Amino acid sequence: MTDRIKRVFLIVLDSCGCGYEPDAELFGDVGANTLASIRKSDKFHCPNMERLGLFHIDGFSPEPGDDYQGAPEGVYGRLQERSMGKDTTVGHWEIAGIISPKPLPTYPEGFPEEVIRQFEEKTGRKVICNKPYSGTEVIKDYGEEHMKTGALIVYTSADSVFQIAANEAVVPVEQLYKYCRIAREMLKGEHGVGRVIARPFEGTCRENFKRTPRRHDFSILPPGVTMLDLLQQKGLASIGIGKIRDIFAGRGVDDNGLTTPTVSNADGMEKTMGLLAEDFRGLAFVNLVETDMTYGHRRDVDGYANAITEFDRWLGDFIPKMEEGDVLMITADHGCDPGFKGTDHTREYIPFLACGKQLKQNVDLGTRVGFTDIARTILDLFDVEADGIPGESFKKEILS
């Protein structure tokens, strides 16, 4: 085992893509570029990521208005997705080593009648809506009917999701989670959506309905071995912060008190900072979701830029506290360009930045094909055989 590397902190800035991919036309996403859109905002100030090489990534170049003007001090590059998708589940699976050759099922016209009828029979509650919908708008338009009738608000999006919204005063959260587990058990094979999502909300009428932080995702099991499984098999830590445990349906993620969900980016950053004081060897896999959920889908450029700025400010405190054997990696899982058309995810390259006392500086990885190269590299850093994981490690390029 490589004694020089003790801990890897892999942080996913959910949906922070960095330019449309060569096959973006298949997804209707030609022209999308999440990072380029938020860079234009006066809320965007990211000197720490710029110092690592953010705007030296292929497709970008430094500009006079950037906060950092020196040579890159980190490892930087971008990765192209090999899976046929552009969502959280498929993106994280590929980062962890699984390529999905077929997209997960989506339902632009709503779910088939037989699916809805079966769900109603198993839960004993009627369903309303059953359309693609904005999560904030759907509770405004259907929340009062739900409160009067007790019917569950079922909706989807352009992603492979079966979402269930319910007011906590009508359906207690644990009961909502039970309904989600019923849906998860149903939705397999042909209708094996990536995630069933509990969307609890509160309030008494359309004017004051708002979602609560007790969202919970119930993901389909990964169809193959991931780097998380391989790390655990070697006795190394595999800690999940945020949605990580949900995305992998718990498989390969430690259940030891360090793995924890989060209620916000700030909460996720605080919990990640707390891991610096923990004595573990292995991986801390972190998802910061507000960039996607709160700002990307709502096409809020300034809000998105400010969220990235807050993360960068946190980095300025985190990086100096890293120990000799720590490695920090920053990436994304897909795009959700707030300056683009519609409210869907966008098919984009993902950025990659890394730093650590054991890593070289100013290393340009260029454009690599396959998010799985991240998994291969992390396993290589710990001298773990990457059995079944496609791609190539870039350990030799980055380790000093």
Protein backbone atom coordinates (compact mmCIF):
# COMPACT_ATOMS: atom_id res chain seq x y z
CA MET A 1 0.00 0.00 0.00
CA THR A 2 1.23 3.48 -0.82
CA ASP A 3 2.04 4.85 2.63
CA ARG A 4 2.45 8.34 1.25
CA ILE A 5 -1.29 8.73 0.62
CA LYS A 6 -3.51 8.39 3.65
CA ARG A 7 -6.77 10.13 2.74
CA VAL A 8 -8.47 11.24 -0.47
CA PHE A 9 -11.25 13.84 -0.26
CA LEU A 10 -13.30 13.62 -3.47
CA ILE A 11 -15.79 16.49 -3.67
CA VAL A 12 -18.49 16.60 -6.34
CA LEU A 13 -19.90 20.05 -7.09
CA ASP A 14 -23.20 18.70 -8.33
CA SER A 15 -23.87 19.73 -11.96
CA CYS A 16 -20.88 22.07 -12.36
CA GLY A 17 -20.03 20.97 -15.92
CA CYS A 18 -17.48 22.77 -18.05
CA GLY A 19 -18.69 22.68 -21.65
CA TYR A 20 -20.90 20.59 -23.91
CA GLU A 21 -19.58 17.24 -25.06
CA PRO A 22 -19.13 16.02 -28.66
CA ASP A 23 -22.39 14.04 -28.53
CA ALA A 24 -24.41 16.86 -26.90
CA GLU A 25 -26.63 17.10 -29.99
CA LEU A 26 -28.17 13.74 -29.02
CA PHE A 27 -29.29 15.35 -25.77
CA GLY A 28 -30.31 18.77 -27.14
CA ASP A 29 -27.44 20.43 -25.27
CA VAL A 30 -25.19 21.97 -27.93
CA GLY A 31 -23.93 25.27 -26.52
CA ALA A 32 -24.33 24.43 -22.84
CA ASN A 33 -21.47 25.40 -20.51
CA THR A 34 -22.28 25.68 -16.81
CA LEU A 35 -18.90 27.00 -15.70
CA ALA A 36 -18.79 29.60 -18.49
CA SER A 37 -22.27 30.85 -17.57
CA ILE A 38 -21.54 31.36 -13.88
CA ARG A 39 -18.11 32.84 -14.60
CA LYS A 40 -19.88 35.85 -16.13
CA SER A 41 -21.70 36.65 -12.88
CA ASP A 42 -20.34 39.34 -10.58
CA LYS A 43 -21.08 36.89 -7.74
CA PHE A 44 -18.34 34.57 -9.00
CA HIS A 45 -15.04 34.92 -7.10
CA CYS A 46 -13.00 31.72 -6.94
CA PRO A 47 -9.31 32.52 -6.40
CA ASN A 48 -8.56 29.16 -4.78
CA MET A 49 -9.88 27.01 -7.63
CA GLU A 50 -8.36 29.42 -10.14
CA ARG A 51 -5.03 28.97 -8.36
CA LEU A 52 -5.36 25.20 -8.83
CA GLY A 53 -5.91 25.69 -12.57
CA LEU A 54 -9.67 26.03 -13.08
CA PHE A 55 -9.40 28.29 -16.12
CA HIS A 56 -6.46 26.41 -17.61
CA ILE A 57 -8.79 23.45 -18.28
CA ASP A 58 -9.32 22.69 -21.97
CA GLY A 59 -11.94 25.03 -23.40
CA PHE A 60 -11.03 27.88 -21.06
CA SER A 61 -8.25 30.41 -20.74
CA PRO A 62 -7.36 32.97 -18.07
CA GLU A 63 -8.95 36.41 -18.44
CA PRO A 64 -7.86 39.81 -17.07
CA GLY A 65 -10.77 39.90 -14.63
CA ASP A 66 -9.93 36.58 -12.95
CA ASP A 67 -9.16 36.69 -9.24
CA TYR A 68 -5.91 34.76 -9.68
CA GLN A 69 -3.38 35.60 -12.37
CA GLY A 70 -0.43 33.31 -11.58
CA ALA A 71 0.63 29.90 -12.85
CA PRO A 72 -1.52 26.92 -11.76
CA GLU A 73 -0.48 25.28 -8.51
CA GLY A 74 -2.58 22.14 -8.85
CA VAL A 75 -3.61 19.33 -11.16
CA TYR A 76 -6.32 20.25 -13.68
CA GLY A 77 -8.20 18.79 -16.61
CA ARG A 78 -11.63 17.70 -17.80
CA LEU A 79 -13.30 14.33 -18.38
CA GLN A 80 -15.81 13.21 -20.99
CA GLU A 81 -18.67 10.92 -20.00
CA ARG A 82 -18.82 7.47 -21.58
CA SER A 83 -22.22 6.58 -20.12
CA MET A 84 -25.43 7.41 -21.95
CA GLY A 85 -26.83 9.82 -19.45
CA LYS A 86 -26.53 13.18 -17.79
CA ASP A 87 -27.89 12.67 -14.31
CA THR A 88 -26.65 12.30 -10.77
CA THR A 89 -26.89 8.52 -10.56
CA VAL A 90 -25.16 7.72 -13.84
CA GLY A 91 -22.55 10.44 -13.29
CA HIS A 92 -21.57 9.27 -9.81
CA TRP A 93 -21.62 5.63 -10.87
CA GLU A 94 -19.17 6.44 -13.65
CA ILE A 95 -16.93 8.41 -11.29
CA ALA A 96 -16.91 5.29 -9.11
CA GLY A 97 -16.15 2.95 -12.01
CA ILE A 98 -19.38 1.88 -13.76
CA ILE A 99 -20.18 2.82 -17.37
CA SER A 100 -23.89 2.76 -18.23
CA PRO A 101 -24.29 1.98 -21.95
CA LYS A 102 -28.05 2.56 -21.88
CA PRO A 103 -29.83 5.56 -20.38
CA LEU A 104 -32.04 4.97 -17.38
CA PRO A 105 -35.77 5.22 -18.29
CA THR A 106 -37.43 8.64 -18.33
CA TYR A 107 -41.10 9.55 -18.60
CA PRO A 108 -41.77 12.79 -20.47
CA GLU A 109 -45.49 11.95 -20.63
CA GLY A 110 -45.73 10.72 -17.05
CA PHE A 111 -45.67 7.14 -15.79
CA PRO A 112 -47.75 4.42 -17.48
CA GLU A 113 -51.22 3.81 -16.09
CA GLU A 114 -50.28 0.31 -14.91
CA VAL A 115 -47.43 1.69 -12.81
CA ILE A 116 -49.62 4.29 -11.14
CA ARG A 117 -52.45 1.82 -10.49
CA GLN A 118 -50.07 -0.67 -8.89
CA PHE A 119 -48.56 2.05 -6.71
CA GLU A 120 -52.04 3.18 -5.59
CA GLU A 121 -53.02 -0.37 -4.71
CA LYS A 122 -49.87 -0.97 -2.68
CA THR A 123 -50.02 2.33 -0.77
CA GLY A 124 -53.79 2.66 -0.40
CA ARG A 125 -53.60 6.28 -1.60
CA LYS A 126 -54.61 7.91 -4.86
CA VAL A 127 -52.05 9.66 -7.06
CA ILE A 128 -52.35 13.17 -8.48
CA CYS A 129 -50.25 15.02 -11.09
CA ASN A 130 -48.12 12.27 -12.74
CA LYS A 131 -46.30 14.68 -15.06
CA PRO A 132 -42.83 16.16 -15.42
CA TYR A 133 -42.86 19.18 -13.12
CA SER A 134 -40.74 21.67 -11.23
CA GLY A 135 -40.46 20.56 -7.61
CA THR A 136 -41.37 23.98 -6.27
CA GLU A 137 -44.24 24.55 -8.70
CA VAL A 138 -45.80 21.13 -8.24
CA ILE A 139 -46.52 21.72 -4.55
CA LYS A 140 -48.03 25.12 -5.37
CA ASP A 141 -50.32 23.62 -8.01
CA TYR A 142 -51.24 20.35 -6.28
CA GLY A 143 -50.47 20.93 -2.59
CA GLU A 144 -53.93 22.06 -1.55
CA GLU A 145 -55.63 19.16 -3.36
CA HIS A 146 -53.20 16.80 -1.66
CA MET A 147 -54.08 18.23 1.77
CA LYS A 148 -57.81 17.92 1.13
CA THR A 149 -57.75 14.39 -0.28
CA GLY A 150 -54.60 12.75 1.08
CA ALA A 151 -53.60 11.81 -2.47
CA LEU A 152 -49.86 11.59 -3.12
CA ILE A 153 -48.25 14.01 -5.56
CA VAL A 154 -46.24 11.88 -7.96
CA TYR A 155 -44.16 13.64 -10.59
CA THR A 156 -41.00 13.23 -12.61
CA SER A 157 -38.55 15.37 -14.57
CA ALA A 158 -36.20 15.00 -17.50
CA ASP A 159 -34.14 12.77 -15.19
CA SER A 160 -34.86 9.14 -14.38
CA VAL A 161 -36.80 9.84 -11.20
CA PHE A 162 -40.08 8.90 -9.53
CA GLN A 163 -40.73 11.70 -7.04
CA ILE A 164 -43.35 11.68 -4.29
CA ALA A 165 -44.31 14.94 -2.59
CA ALA A 166 -46.40 15.07 0.56
CA ASN A 167 -47.08 17.60 3.29
CA GLU A 168 -45.56 16.48 6.58
CA ALA A 169 -48.81 17.36 8.37
CA VAL A 170 -50.71 14.92 6.14
CA VAL A 171 -48.10 12.20 5.59
CA PRO A 172 -45.42 11.93 8.30
CA VAL A 173 -41.91 11.71 6.86
CA GLU A 174 -41.34 8.09 7.89
CA GLN A 175 -44.60 7.13 6.19
CA LEU A 176 -43.48 8.97 3.04
CA TYR A 177 -40.23 7.04 3.14
CA LYS A 178 -42.24 3.81 3.40
CA TYR A 179 -44.18 4.76 0.26
CA CYS A 180 -40.87 5.43 -1.48
CA ARG A 181 -39.59 2.00 -0.52
CA ILE A 182 -42.75 0.49 -2.01
CA ALA A 183 -42.12 2.39 -5.25
CA ARG A 184 -38.46 1.38 -5.24
CA GLU A 185 -39.40 -2.28 -4.92
CA MET A 186 -41.86 -1.92 -7.80
CA LEU A 187 -39.67 0.02 -10.19
CA LYS A 188 -37.27 -2.56 -11.58
CA GLY A 189 -36.40 -3.91 -15.01
CA GLU A 190 -38.16 -1.93 -17.74
CA HIS A 191 -39.20 0.75 -15.24
CA GLY A 192 -36.01 0.72 -13.18
CA VAL A 193 -35.67 4.46 -12.64
CA GLY A 194 -32.43 5.74 -11.18
CA ARG A 195 -33.99 7.23 -8.09
CA VAL A 196 -37.22 7.31 -6.13
CA ILE A 197 -37.19 10.59 -4.22
CA ALA A 198 -39.16 11.60 -1.13
CA ARG A 199 -40.05 15.31 -1.36
CA PRO A 200 -41.67 16.36 1.93
CA PHE A 201 -43.01 19.87 2.27
CA GLU A 202 -44.76 22.03 4.83
CA GLY A 203 -47.20 24.93 4.95
CA THR A 204 -50.96 25.42 4.93
CA CYS A 205 -51.70 26.85 1.48
CA ARG A 206 -50.26 27.61 -1.93
CA GLU A 207 -48.78 30.89 -0.73
CA ASN A 208 -46.61 29.36 2.01
CA PHE A 209 -45.84 25.81 0.87
CA LYS A 210 -42.11 25.08 0.98
CA ARG A 211 -39.99 21.96 0.78
CA THR A 212 -38.32 20.73 3.96
CA PRO A 213 -34.72 19.45 4.21
CA ARG A 214 -35.89 15.87 4.84
CA ARG A 215 -35.65 14.82 1.21
CA HIS A 216 -34.42 11.26 0.81
CA ASP A 217 -33.30 9.41 -2.32
CA PHE A 218 -33.83 5.69 -2.86
CA SER A 219 -31.50 4.67 -5.68
CA ILE A 220 -31.36 1.57 -7.80
CA LEU A 221 -28.45 -0.69 -6.90
CA PRO A 222 -25.30 -0.15 -8.97
CA PRO A 223 -25.12 -2.89 -11.63
CA GLY A 224 -21.47 -3.71 -10.98
CA VAL A 225 -18.47 -3.37 -8.70
CA THR A 226 -17.39 0.17 -7.80
CA MET A 227 -14.26 1.64 -6.27
CA LEU A 228 -16.23 1.88 -3.02
CA ASP A 229 -16.66 -1.90 -2.91
CA LEU A 230 -12.97 -2.46 -3.67
CA LEU A 231 -11.82 0.00 -1.01
CA GLN A 232 -13.99 -1.70 1.61
CA GLN A 233 -12.71 -5.12 0.60
CA LYS A 234 -9.17 -3.93 1.38
CA GLY A 235 -10.18 -2.57 4.76
CA LEU A 236 -9.96 1.07 3.68
CA ALA A 237 -12.47 3.75 4.60
CA SER A 238 -15.29 4.53 2.18
CA ILE A 239 -17.09 7.48 3.75
CA GLY A 240 -20.07 9.22 2.12
CA ILE A 241 -21.10 12.81 2.83
CA GLY A 242 -24.40 14.15 1.44
CA LYS A 243 -26.27 12.03 -1.12
CA ILE A 244 -23.47 9.50 -1.63
CA ARG A 245 -25.02 6.73 0.45
CA ASP A 246 -28.36 7.22 -1.31
CA ILE A 247 -26.81 7.27 -4.81
CA PHE A 248 -25.14 3.89 -4.25
CA ALA A 249 -28.12 2.46 -2.35
CA GLY A 250 -25.81 2.03 0.63
CA ARG A 251 -23.54 -0.45 -1.13
CA GLY A 252 -19.83 0.10 -0.61
CA VAL A 253 -20.41 3.03 1.76
CA ASP A 254 -19.28 2.77 5.39
CA ASP A 255 -21.90 2.81 8.11
CA ASN A 256 -19.65 3.84 10.97
CA GLY A 257 -20.88 7.25 12.08
CA LEU A 258 -18.68 9.20 9.66
CA THR A 259 -21.00 8.66 6.69
CA THR A 260 -23.79 11.22 6.99
CA PRO A 261 -26.47 13.00 4.94
CA THR A 262 -26.51 16.78 4.75
CA VAL A 263 -29.18 19.48 4.66
CA SER A 264 -27.20 22.10 2.71
CA ASN A 265 -23.86 22.80 1.08
CA ALA A 266 -22.78 24.62 4.23
CA ASP A 267 -23.62 21.53 6.28
CA GLY A 268 -21.71 19.32 3.86
CA MET A 269 -18.65 21.55 3.95
CA GLU A 270 -18.73 21.68 7.75
CA LYS A 271 -18.92 17.89 7.99
CA THR A 272 -16.12 17.48 5.46
CA MET A 273 -13.96 19.90 7.43
CA GLY A 274 -14.68 17.81 10.52
CA LEU A 275 -13.25 14.74 8.80
CA LEU A 276 -9.80 16.34 8.86
CA ALA A 277 -9.73 15.61 12.58
CA GLU A 278 -10.65 11.94 12.05
CA ASP A 279 -7.99 9.25 11.86
CA PHE A 280 -8.96 7.17 8.82
CA ARG A 281 -7.23 5.77 5.77
CA GLY A 282 -9.17 5.79 2.54
CA LEU A 283 -11.79 7.87 0.75
CA ALA A 284 -14.22 10.60 1.79
CA PHE A 285 -16.70 10.97 -1.10
CA VAL A 286 -18.68 14.23 -0.83
CA ASN A 287 -21.66 15.54 -2.81
CA LEU A 288 -22.65 19.22 -2.58
CA VAL A 289 -26.08 19.32 -4.20
CA GLU A 290 -27.38 22.89 -3.91
CA THR A 291 -25.64 24.02 -7.10
CA ASP A 292 -27.88 21.62 -9.00
CA MET A 293 -31.04 21.37 -6.93
CA THR A 294 -31.42 24.97 -5.80
CA TYR A 295 -29.79 26.99 -8.57
CA GLY A 296 -29.14 24.96 -11.73
CA HIS A 297 -32.66 23.68 -12.30
CA ARG A 298 -34.10 27.10 -11.44
CA ARG A 299 -31.74 28.79 -13.90
CA ASP A 300 -30.41 31.12 -11.21
CA VAL A 301 -27.02 32.18 -12.56
CA ASP A 302 -26.13 34.50 -9.69
CA GLY A 303 -27.27 32.02 -7.05
CA TYR A 304 -25.22 29.27 -8.66
CA ALA A 305 -22.16 31.55 -8.92
CA ASN A 306 -22.52 32.57 -5.28
CA ALA A 307 -22.75 28.92 -4.15
CA ILE A 308 -19.49 28.14 -5.96
CA THR A 309 -17.94 31.27 -4.44
CA GLU A 310 -18.92 30.10 -0.95
CA PHE A 311 -17.34 26.73 -1.66
CA ASP A 312 -14.16 28.40 -2.88
CA ARG A 313 -14.01 30.53 0.26
CA TRP A 314 -14.30 27.32 2.31
CA LEU A 315 -11.46 25.81 0.28
CA GLY A 316 -9.24 28.67 1.44
CA ASP A 317 -9.65 27.33 4.97
CA PHE A 318 -9.66 23.60 4.14
CA ILE A 319 -6.54 23.31 1.98
CA PRO A 320 -4.06 24.76 4.53
CA LYS A 321 -5.34 22.27 7.13
CA MET A 322 -4.71 19.20 4.96
CA GLU A 323 -2.09 16.79 6.30
CA GLU A 324 0.99 15.46 4.53
CA GLY A 325 -0.76 12.39 3.15
CA ASP A 326 -4.03 14.07 2.12
CA VAL A 327 -5.22 14.54 -1.46
CA LEU A 328 -8.11 16.80 -2.44
CA MET A 329 -10.01 16.16 -5.68
CA ILE A 330 -12.79 18.42 -6.97
CA THR A 331 -15.08 17.45 -9.84
CA ALA A 332 -18.74 17.34 -11.00
CA ASP A 333 -21.17 14.69 -12.24
CA HIS A 334 -22.91 16.40 -15.21
CA GLY A 335 -23.99 19.91 -16.19
CA CYS A 336 -27.03 22.04 -15.39
CA ASP A 337 -26.21 25.28 -17.18
CA PRO A 338 -28.26 28.05 -15.54
CA GLY A 339 -27.73 30.21 -18.63
CA PHE A 340 -29.08 27.57 -21.03
CA LYS A 341 -32.58 26.80 -22.27
CA GLY A 342 -35.02 24.77 -20.21
CA THR A 343 -34.45 23.39 -16.71
CA ASP A 344 -32.87 20.05 -17.54
CA HIS A 345 -29.40 18.73 -16.82
CA THR A 346 -26.93 19.35 -19.63
CA ARG A 347 -24.54 16.91 -21.31
CA GLU A 348 -21.15 18.37 -20.40
CA TYR A 349 -17.55 17.55 -19.63
CA ILE A 350 -16.76 17.62 -15.92
CA PRO A 351 -13.82 19.61 -14.51
CA PHE A 352 -11.14 17.97 -12.42
CA LEU A 353 -8.87 19.74 -9.93
CA ALA A 354 -6.53 18.18 -7.39
CA CYS A 355 -3.91 19.22 -4.89
CA GLY A 356 -1.95 17.86 -1.96
CA LYS A 357 1.54 17.96 -0.53
CA GLN A 358 2.35 14.69 -2.34
CA LEU A 359 1.12 15.92 -5.73
CA LYS A 360 2.95 17.78 -8.45
CA GLN A 361 1.99 21.35 -9.33
CA ASN A 362 0.81 22.71 -12.67
CA VAL A 363 -0.09 19.34 -14.19
CA ASP A 364 -2.39 19.57 -17.20
CA LEU A 365 -4.30 16.31 -17.67
CA GLY A 366 -5.95 17.67 -20.81
CA THR A 367 -9.20 15.98 -21.84
CA ARG A 368 -9.64 12.37 -20.75
CA VAL A 369 -12.39 10.05 -21.94
CA GLY A 370 -14.25 8.46 -19.06
CA PHE A 371 -15.10 9.64 -15.56
CA THR A 372 -13.88 6.19 -14.51
CA ASP A 373 -10.29 7.46 -14.68
CA ILE A 374 -11.01 9.08 -11.30
CA ALA A 375 -11.87 5.70 -9.74
CA ARG A 376 -8.82 4.05 -11.31
CA THR A 377 -6.55 6.79 -9.97
CA ILE A 378 -7.94 6.71 -6.43
CA LEU A 379 -7.57 2.92 -6.28
CA ASP A 380 -4.04 3.24 -7.69
CA LEU A 381 -3.11 5.79 -5.03
CA PHE A 382 -3.96 3.14 -2.42
CA ASP A 383 -2.40 0.29 -4.41
CA VAL A 384 -5.77 -1.44 -4.72
CA GLU A 385 -6.27 -3.65 -7.78
CA ALA A 386 -8.96 -2.08 -9.98
CA ASP A 387 -10.60 -5.38 -10.96
CA GLY A 388 -13.48 -4.72 -13.34
CA ILE A 389 -13.04 -0.94 -13.37
CA PRO A 390 -12.53 0.45 -16.91
CA GLY A 391 -10.31 3.43 -17.71
CA GLU A 392 -6.77 4.48 -16.93
CA SER A 393 -5.11 5.79 -13.79
CA PHE A 394 -3.25 9.12 -13.94
CA LYS A 395 -1.39 8.48 -10.68
CA LYS A 396 2.01 8.62 -12.37
CA GLU A 397 1.25 12.01 -13.89
CA ILE A 398 0.24 13.62 -10.61
CA LEU A 399 2.24 11.97 -7.80
CA SER A 400 5.50 13.78 -7.07
